[in-house]
PDB file of N, CA and C in Angstrom:
ATOM      1  N   MET A   1      44.395  83.876  79.195  1.00  0.00           N
ATOM      2  CA  MET A   1      43.449  84.845  78.545  1.00  0.00           C
ATOM      3  C   MET A   1      42.557  83.983  78.889  1.00  0.00           C
ATOM      4  N   GLY A   2      41.586  85.299  78.966  1.00  0.00           N
ATOM      5  CA  GLY A   2      40.169  85.021  79.392  1.00  0.00           C
ATOM      6  C   GLY A   2      38.903  85.234  78.310  1.00  0.00           C
ATOM      7  N   SER A   3      38.084  84.654  77.864  1.00  0.00           N
ATOM      8  CA  SER A   3      37.198  84.647  77.344  1.00  0.00           C
ATOM      9  C   SER A   3      36.617  85.950  77.216  1.00  0.00           C
ATOM     10  N   ILE A   4      36.465  87.027  76.057  1.00  0.00           N
ATOM     11  CA  ILE A   4      36.373  88.112  75.827  1.00  0.00           C
ATOM     12  C   ILE A   4      35.270  87.756  74.430  1.00  0.00           C
ATOM     13  N   PRO A   5      33.776  88.489  74.979  1.00  0.00           N
ATOM     14  CA  PRO A   5      32.762  87.874  73.780  1.00  0.00           C
ATOM     15  C   PRO A   5      33.220  88.752  72.390  1.00  0.00           C
ATOM     16  N   ALA A   6      32.481  87.994  71.584  1.00  0.00           N
ATOM     17  CA  ALA A   6      32.963  88.510  69.852  1.00  0.00           C
ATOM     18  C   ALA A   6      32.105  90.355  70.276  1.00  0.00           C
ATOM     19  N   PRO A   7      33.205  91.195  69.512  1.00  0.00           N
ATOM     20  CA  PRO A   7      32.436  92.468  69.093  1.00  0.00           C
ATOM     21  C   PRO A   7      31.147  92.294  67.617  1.00  0.00           C
ATOM     22  N   GLU A   8      30.076  92.887  67.660  1.00  0.00           N
ATOM     23  CA  GLU A   8      29.476  92.871  67.171  1.00  0.00           C
ATOM     24  C   GLU A   8      29.661  93.876  65.726  1.00  0.00           C
ATOM     25  N   GLY A   9      29.457  93.074  64.192  1.00  0.00           N
ATOM     26  CA  GLY A   9      29.862  93.873  63.123  1.00  0.00           C
ATOM     27  C   GLY A   9      29.856  93.028  62.370  1.00  0.00           C
ATOM     28  N   PRO A  10      30.383  92.926  61.132  1.00  0.00           N
ATOM     29  CA  PRO A  10      30.672  92.220  59.830  1.00  0.00           C
ATOM     30  C   PRO A  10      32.265  92.559  59.641  1.00  0.00           C
ATOM     31  N   VAL A  11      32.365  90.908  59.666  1.00  0.00           N
ATOM     32  CA  VAL A  11      33.972  90.490  59.619  1.00  0.00           C
ATOM     33  C   VAL A  11      34.518  90.600  57.823  1.00  0.00           C
ATOM     34  N   ASP A  12      35.205  91.209  57.957  1.00  0.00           N
ATOM     35  CA  ASP A  12      36.021  91.472  56.646  1.00  0.00           C
ATOM     36  C   ASP A  12      37.607  90.516  56.216  1.00  0.00           C
ATOM     37  N   LYS A  13      37.203  89.497  56.022  1.00  0.00           N
ATOM     38  CA  LYS A  13      38.434  88.122  55.895  1.00  0.00           C
ATOM     39  C   LYS A  13      39.522  88.803  55.480  1.00  0.00           C
ATOM     40  N   ASP A  14      39.595  89.573  54.142  1.00  0.00           N
ATOM     41  CA  ASP A  14      40.143  90.137  53.087  1.00  0.00           C
ATOM     42  C   ASP A  14      41.305  91.203  54.203  1.00  0.00           C
ATOM     43  N   SER A  15      40.760  92.172  54.726  1.00  0.00           N
ATOM     44  CA  SER A  15      41.373  92.941  55.782  1.00  0.00           C
ATOM     45  C   SER A  15      42.932  92.644  56.341  1.00  0.00           C
ATOM     46  N   PRO A  16      43.638  93.805  56.320  1.00  0.00           N
ATOM     47  CA  PRO A  16      45.140  93.444  57.104  1.00  0.00           C
ATOM     48  C   PRO A  16      44.619  93.294  58.471  1.00  0.00           C
ATOM     49  N   ILE A  17      43.980  93.982  59.043  1.00  0.00           N
ATOM     50  CA  ILE A  17      43.499  93.733  60.619  1.00  0.00           C
ATOM     51  C   ILE A  17      42.782  91.918  60.540  1.00  0.00           C
ATOM     52  N   TYR A  18      42.332  91.559  60.190  1.00  0.00           N
ATOM     53  CA  TYR A  18      41.830  89.851  60.374  1.00  0.00           C
ATOM     54  C   TYR A  18      43.192  89.060  60.197  1.00  0.00           C
ATOM     55  N   ASP A  19      44.329  89.755  59.195  1.00  0.00           N
ATOM     56  CA  ASP A  19      45.482  88.759  58.813  1.00  0.00           C
ATOM     57  C   ASP A  19      46.377  88.874  59.930  1.00  0.00           C
ATOM     58  N   GLN A  20      46.285  90.269  60.763  1.00  0.00           N
ATOM     59  CA  GLN A  20      47.099  90.391  62.193  1.00  0.00           C
ATOM     60  C   GLN A  20      46.570  89.199  62.639  1.00  0.00           C
ATOM     61  N   GLY A  21      45.055  89.367  62.655  1.00  0.00           N
ATOM     62  CA  GLY A  21      44.244  88.608  64.263  1.00  0.00           C
ATOM     63  C   GLY A  21      45.009  86.816  63.510  1.00  0.00           C
ATOM     64  N   PHE A  22      45.002  86.870  62.458  1.00  0.00           N
ATOM     65  CA  PHE A  22      44.841  85.494  62.321  1.00  0.00           C
ATOM     66  C   PHE A  22      46.726  84.882  62.491  1.00  0.00           C
ATOM     67  N   GLN A  23      47.887  85.862  62.204  1.00  0.00           N
ATOM     68  CA  GLN A  23      49.073  85.904  62.881  1.00  0.00           C
ATOM     69  C   GLN A  23      48.940  85.304  64.248  1.00  0.00           C
ATOM     70  N   ASP A  24      48.489  86.738  64.952  1.00  0.00           N
ATOM     71  CA  ASP A  24      48.706  86.587  66.013  1.00  0.00           C
ATOM     72  C   ASP A  24      48.061  85.071  67.113  1.00  0.00           C
ATOM     73  N   GLY A  25      46.722  84.810  66.134  1.00  0.00           N
ATOM     74  CA  GLY A  25      46.157  83.464  66.922  1.00  0.00           C
ATOM     75  C   GLY A  25      47.116  82.581  66.595  1.00  0.00           C
ATOM     76  N   CYS A  26      47.656  82.401  65.232  1.00  0.00           N
ATOM     77  CA  CYS A  26      48.756  81.272  65.116  1.00  0.00           C
ATOM     78  C   CYS A  26      50.064  81.296  66.149  1.00  0.00           C
ATOM     79  N   ALA A  27      50.387  82.301  66.439  1.00  0.00           N
ATOM     80  CA  ALA A  27      51.472  82.372  67.035  1.00  0.00           C
ATOM     81  C   ALA A  27      51.372  82.249  68.821  1.00  0.00           C
ATOM     82  N   ALA A  28      49.954  82.435  68.861  1.00  0.00           N
ATOM     83  CA  ALA A  28      49.530  81.804  70.620  1.00  0.00           C
ATOM     84  C   ALA A  28      49.617  80.472  71.114  1.00  0.00           C
ATOM     85  N   VAL A  29      49.777  79.490  69.919  1.00  0.00           N
ATOM     86  CA  VAL A  29      50.009  77.797  70.048  1.00  0.00           C
ATOM     87  C   VAL A  29      50.985  77.425  69.446  1.00  0.00           C
ATOM     88  N   ASN A  30      51.960  78.838  69.373  1.00  0.00           N
ATOM     89  CA  ASN A  30      53.121  78.475  68.395  1.00  0.00           C
ATOM     90  C   ASN A  30      54.081  78.729  68.776  1.00  0.00           C
ATOM     91  N   VAL A  31      54.919  78.137  69.922  1.00  0.00           N
ATOM     92  CA  VAL A  31      55.956  78.638  70.424  1.00  0.00           C
ATOM     93  C   VAL A  31      57.369  79.394  69.948  1.00  0.00           C
ATOM     94  N   ARG A  32      57.725  78.357  68.251  1.00  0.00           N
ATOM     95  CA  ARG A  32      58.502  78.851  68.078  1.00  0.00           C
ATOM     96  C   ARG A  32      58.460  80.145  66.707  1.00  0.00           C
ATOM     97  N   TYR A  33      56.977  80.167  66.383  1.00  0.00           N
ATOM     98  CA  TYR A  33      57.052  81.413  65.974  1.00  0.00           C
ATOM     99  C   TYR A  33      56.484  82.411  66.712  1.00  0.00           C
ATOM    100  N   ARG A  34      56.299  82.396  67.588  1.00  0.00           N
ATOM    101  CA  ARG A  34      56.214  83.383  68.971  1.00  0.00           C
ATOM    102  C   ARG A  34      58.266  84.129  68.958  1.00  0.00           C
ATOM    103  N   LYS A  35      58.633  82.832  69.359  1.00  0.00           N
ATOM    104  CA  LYS A  35      59.969  83.668  69.384  1.00  0.00           C
ATOM    105  C   LYS A  35      60.960  84.137  67.834  1.00  0.00           C
ATOM    106  N   GLN A  36      60.631  83.644  66.629  1.00  0.00           N
ATOM    107  CA  GLN A  36      61.300  83.817  65.642  1.00  0.00           C
ATOM    108  C   GLN A  36      60.550  84.986  65.265  1.00  0.00           C
ATOM    109  N   SER A  37      59.270  85.508  65.455  1.00  0.00           N
ATOM    110  CA  SER A  37      58.478  87.014  64.998  1.00  0.00           C
ATOM    111  C   SER A  37      58.398  88.084  66.210  1.00  0.00           C
ATOM    112  N   GLY A  38      59.410  87.911  67.035  1.00  0.00           N
ATOM    113  CA  GLY A  38      59.331  88.597  68.387  1.00  0.00           C
ATOM    114  C   GLY A  38      57.975  89.074  69.169  1.00  0.00           C
ATOM    115  N   HIS A  39      56.983  87.989  69.190  1.00  0.00           N
ATOM    116  CA  HIS A  39      55.737  88.333  69.757  1.00  0.00           C
ATOM    117  C   HIS A  39      56.117  87.798  71.231  1.00  0.00           C
ATOM    118  N   ASP A  40      55.142  88.794  72.206  1.00  0.00           N
ATOM    119  CA  ASP A  40      55.262  88.454  73.830  1.00  0.00           C
ATOM    120  C   ASP A  40      54.675  86.757  73.828  1.00  0.00           C
ATOM    121  N   ASP A  41      54.594  87.261  75.329  1.00  0.00           N
ATOM    122  CA  ASP A  41      53.897  85.114  75.700  1.00  0.00           C
ATOM    123  C   ASP A  41      52.449  85.370  75.368  1.00  0.00           C
ATOM    124  N   THR A  42      51.669  86.319  75.398  1.00  0.00           N
ATOM    125  CA  THR A  42      50.356  85.944  74.780  1.00  0.00           C
ATOM    126  C   THR A  42      50.091  86.012  73.272  1.00  0.00           C
ATOM    127  N   ALA A  43      50.453  87.051  72.502  1.00  0.00           N
ATOM    128  CA  ALA A  43      50.528  86.676  71.213  1.00  0.00           C
ATOM    129  C   ALA A  43      49.042  87.180  71.090  1.00  0.00           C
ATOM    130  N   ARG A  44      48.606  88.289  71.965  1.00  0.00           N
ATOM    131  CA  ARG A  44      46.659  88.496  71.470  1.00  0.00           C
ATOM    132  C   ARG A  44      47.289  90.283  71.945  1.00  0.00           C
ATOM    133  N   ASP A  45      46.659  91.261  70.987  1.00  0.00           N
ATOM    134  CA  ASP A  45      45.903  92.525  71.210  1.00  0.00           C
ATOM    135  C   ASP A  45      44.408  92.286  72.078  1.00  0.00           C
ATOM    136  N   ASP A  46      44.404  92.241  73.650  1.00  0.00           N
ATOM    137  CA  ASP A  46      43.499  92.048  73.828  1.00  0.00           C
ATOM    138  C   ASP A  46      42.507  93.188  73.396  1.00  0.00           C
ATOM    139  N   LYS A  47      42.599  94.533  73.779  1.00  0.00           N
ATOM    140  CA  LYS A  47      41.979  96.062  73.209  1.00  0.00           C
ATOM    141  C   LYS A  47      41.290  95.385  71.770  1.00  0.00           C
ATOM    142  N   LEU A  48      41.897  95.327  70.951  1.00  0.00           N
ATOM    143  CA  LEU A  48      41.961  94.944  69.959  1.00  0.00           C
ATOM    144  C   LEU A  48      41.006  93.587  69.340  1.00  0.00           C
ATOM    145  N   TYR A  49      41.451  92.737  69.892  1.00  0.00           N
ATOM    146  CA  TYR A  49      40.328  91.632  70.217  1.00  0.00           C
ATOM    147  C   TYR A  49      39.125  92.000  70.716  1.00  0.00           C
ATOM    148  N   ALA A  50      38.985  92.536  72.078  1.00  0.00           N
ATOM    149  CA  ALA A  50      37.588  93.026  72.592  1.00  0.00           C
ATOM    150  C   ALA A  50      36.712  93.842  71.349  1.00  0.00           C
ATOM    151  N   ALA A  51      37.213  94.726  70.760  1.00  0.00           N
ATOM    152  CA  ALA A  51      36.813  96.009  70.249  1.00  0.00           C
ATOM    153  C   ALA A  51      36.779  95.410  68.754  1.00  0.00           C
ATOM    154  N   ASP A  52      37.676  94.962  67.642  1.00  0.00           N
ATOM    155  CA  ASP A  52      37.398  94.756  66.490  1.00  0.00           C
ATOM    156  C   ASP A  52      36.817  93.618  66.269  1.00  0.00           C
ATOM    157  N   PRO A  53      35.778  93.403  65.099  1.00  0.00           N
ATOM    158  CA  PRO A  53      35.328  91.852  65.026  1.00  0.00           C
ATOM    159  C   PRO A  53      35.972  91.265  64.174  1.00  0.00           C
ATOM    160  N   ASN A  54      36.896  91.737  63.216  1.00  0.00           N
ATOM    161  CA  ASN A  54      37.899  91.052  61.895  1.00  0.00           C
ATOM    162  C   ASN A  54      39.438  90.758  62.906  1.00  0.00           C
ATOM    163  N   TYR A  55      39.510  91.531  63.848  1.00  0.00           N
ATOM    164  CA  TYR A  55      40.778  90.977  64.917  1.00  0.00           C
ATOM    165  C   TYR A  55      40.311  90.063  65.388  1.00  0.00           C
ATOM    166  N   HIS A  56      39.429  89.895  65.871  1.00  0.00           N
ATOM    167  CA  HIS A  56      38.881  88.766  66.957  1.00  0.00           C
ATOM    168  C   HIS A  56      38.294  88.233  66.219  1.00  0.00           C
ATOM    169  N   ALA A  57      37.646  88.074  64.877  1.00  0.00           N
ATOM    170  CA  ALA A  57      37.496  86.827  64.396  1.00  0.00           C
ATOM    171  C   ALA A  57      38.591  85.730  63.289  1.00  0.00           C
ATOM    172  N   GLY A  58      39.664  87.254  63.279  1.00  0.00           N
ATOM    173  CA  GLY A  58      41.113  86.092  62.534  1.00  0.00           C
ATOM    174  C   GLY A  58      41.481  85.382  63.897  1.00  0.00           C
ATOM    175  N   TRP A  59      42.097  85.688  64.725  1.00  0.00           N
ATOM    176  CA  TRP A  59      42.599  85.441  65.981  1.00  0.00           C
ATOM    177  C   TRP A  59      42.093  84.560  66.377  1.00  0.00           C
ATOM    178  N   ASP A  60      40.793  83.905  66.387  1.00  0.00           N
ATOM    179  CA  ASP A  60      39.791  82.528  66.673  1.00  0.00           C
ATOM    180  C   ASP A  60      40.409  81.626  65.809  1.00  0.00           C
ATOM    181  N   PHE A  61      40.584  82.301  64.346  1.00  0.00           N
ATOM    182  CA  PHE A  61      40.618  81.374  62.997  1.00  0.00           C
ATOM    183  C   PHE A  61      42.069  80.861  63.062  1.00  0.00           C
ATOM    184  N   GLY A  62      43.076  81.804  63.327  1.00  0.00           N
ATOM    185  CA  GLY A  62      44.009  81.383  63.342  1.00  0.00           C
ATOM    186  C   GLY A  62      45.389  80.444  64.504  1.00  0.00           C
ATOM    187  N   PHE A  63      43.874  81.040  66.079  1.00  0.00           N
ATOM    188  CA  PHE A  63      44.386  80.181  66.736  1.00  0.00           C
ATOM    189  C   PHE A  63      43.998  78.599  66.416  1.00  0.00           C
ATOM    190  N   ARG A  64      42.689  78.385  65.948  1.00  0.00           N
ATOM    191  CA  ARG A  64      42.253  77.055  65.933  1.00  0.00           C
ATOM    192  C   ARG A  64      43.197  76.291  64.667  1.00  0.00           C
ATOM    193  N   LYS A  65      42.918  77.138  63.712  1.00  0.00           N
ATOM    194  CA  LYS A  65      44.116  76.581  62.289  1.00  0.00           C
ATOM    195  C   LYS A  65      45.395  75.859  62.806  1.00  0.00           C
ATOM    196  N   CYS A  66      46.060  77.039  64.001  1.00  0.00           N
ATOM    197  CA  CYS A  66      47.527  76.468  63.969  1.00  0.00           C
ATOM    198  C   CYS A  66      47.545  75.547  65.058  1.00  0.00           C
ATOM    199  N   GLU A  67      46.571  75.463  65.933  1.00  0.00           N
ATOM    200  CA  GLU A  67      46.353  74.593  67.056  1.00  0.00           C
ATOM    201  C   GLU A  67      46.594  72.852  66.957  1.00  0.00           C
ATOM    202  N   ASP A  68      45.969  72.883  65.895  1.00  0.00           N
ATOM    203  CA  ASP A  68      45.717  71.207  65.208  1.00  0.00           C
ATOM    204  C   ASP A  68      47.449  70.947  64.474  1.00  0.00           C
ATOM    205  N   LYS A  69      48.296  72.248  64.396  1.00  0.00           N
ATOM    206  CA  LYS A  69      49.436  71.408  63.223  1.00  0.00           C
ATOM    207  C   LYS A  69      50.730  71.860  64.616  1.00  0.00           C
ATOM    208  N   VAL A  70      50.486  72.565  65.306  1.00  0.00           N
ATOM    209  CA  VAL A  70      51.560  72.068  66.601  1.00  0.00           C
ATOM    210  C   VAL A  70      51.400  71.020  67.750  1.00  0.00           C
ATOM    211  N   ASN A  71      52.936  70.494  68.290  1.00  0.00           N
ATOM    212  CA  ASN A  71      52.116  69.297  69.298  1.00  0.00           C
ATOM    213  C   ASN A  71      52.829  70.712  70.420  1.00  0.00           C
ATOM    214  N   GLN A  72      52.392  69.810  72.153  1.00  0.00           N
ATOM    215  CA  GLN A  72      52.988  71.063  73.083  1.00  0.00           C
ATOM    216  C   GLN A  72      53.715  71.829  73.612  1.00  0.00           C
ATOM    217  N   GLY A  73      54.574  71.247  72.534  1.00  0.00           N
ATOM    218  CA  GLY A  73      56.161  71.945  72.610  1.00  0.00           C
ATOM    219  C   GLY A  73      56.586  73.210  71.436  1.00  0.00           C
ATOM    220  N   GLY A  74      55.325  73.081  70.428  1.00  0.00           N
ATOM    221  CA  GLY A  74      54.985  74.316  69.992  1.00  0.00           C
ATOM    222  C   GLY A  74      56.182  73.822  68.485  1.00  0.00           C
ATOM    223  N   LEU A  75      56.202  72.690  68.402  1.00  0.00           N
ATOM    224  CA  LEU A  75      56.821  71.962  67.242  1.00  0.00           C
ATOM    225  C   LEU A  75      55.737  71.396  66.222  1.00  0.00           C
ATOM    226  N   PRO A  76      56.093  71.896  64.585  1.00  0.00           N
ATOM    227  CA  PRO A  76      54.959  70.888  63.792  1.00  0.00           C
ATOM    228  C   PRO A  76      55.177  69.492  63.843  1.00  0.00           C
ATOM    229  N   ILE A  77      53.759  69.210  63.555  1.00  0.00           N
ATOM    230  CA  ILE A  77      53.190  67.651  63.742  1.00  0.00           C
ATOM    231  C   ILE A  77      53.755  67.457  62.141  1.00  0.00           C
ATOM    232  N   PRO A  78      54.575  66.697  61.894  1.00  0.00           N
ATOM    233  CA  PRO A  78      55.004  66.234  60.413  1.00  0.00           C
ATOM    234  C   PRO A  78      53.724  65.370  60.079  1.00  0.00           C
ATOM    235  N   GLY A  79      53.208  65.745  58.645  1.00  0.00           N
ATOM    236  CA  GLY A  79      52.394  64.737  57.626  1.00  0.00           C
ATOM    237  C   GLY A  79      50.575  65.317  58.095  1.00  0.00           C
ATOM    238  N   ASN A  80      49.882  64.155  58.546  1.00  0.00           N
ATOM    239  CA  ASN A  80      48.860  64.331  58.920  1.00  0.00           C
ATOM    240  C   ASN A  80      48.429  65.217  60.488  1.00  0.00           C
ATOM    241  N   SER A  81      47.658  66.232  60.181  1.00  0.00           N
ATOM    242  CA  SER A  81      47.637  66.803  62.018  1.00  0.00           C
ATOM    243  C   SER A  81      46.934  66.072  62.641  1.00  0.00           C
ATOM    244  N   VAL A  82      46.161  64.834  62.465  1.00  0.00           N
ATOM    245  CA  VAL A  82      45.407  64.075  63.288  1.00  0.00           C
ATOM    246  C   VAL A  82      46.206  63.256  64.449  1.00  0.00           C
ATOM    247  N   ILE A  83      46.176  63.586  65.430  1.00  0.00           N
ATOM    248  CA  ILE A  83      46.741  62.681  66.349  1.00  0.00           C
ATOM    249  C   ILE A  83      45.850  61.857  66.735  1.00  0.00           C
ATOM    250  N   LEU A  84      46.548  60.442  66.622  1.00  0.00           N
ATOM    251  CA  LEU A  84      45.959  59.236  67.582  1.00  0.00           C
ATOM    252  C   LEU A  84      46.382  58.321  68.743  1.00  0.00           C
TER     253      LEU A  84
END
């Protein structure tokens, strides 16, 4: 997944499309979630990511938020998500 610049426009964190982006972003780093939810390997709608500021912001936040809560195998890290 290459870097796609964020589309311009206000972001509404209460919108359903932001929530969809968040879920897809989380699925992108969480293998178990992808399998359970039926997401494909990328778990990102690139057209929506490039065009919709709500989806873009939601996906980025979901990816970052979930990235520190799973290990490389996609399993949750118990307790504190800080890895020493």
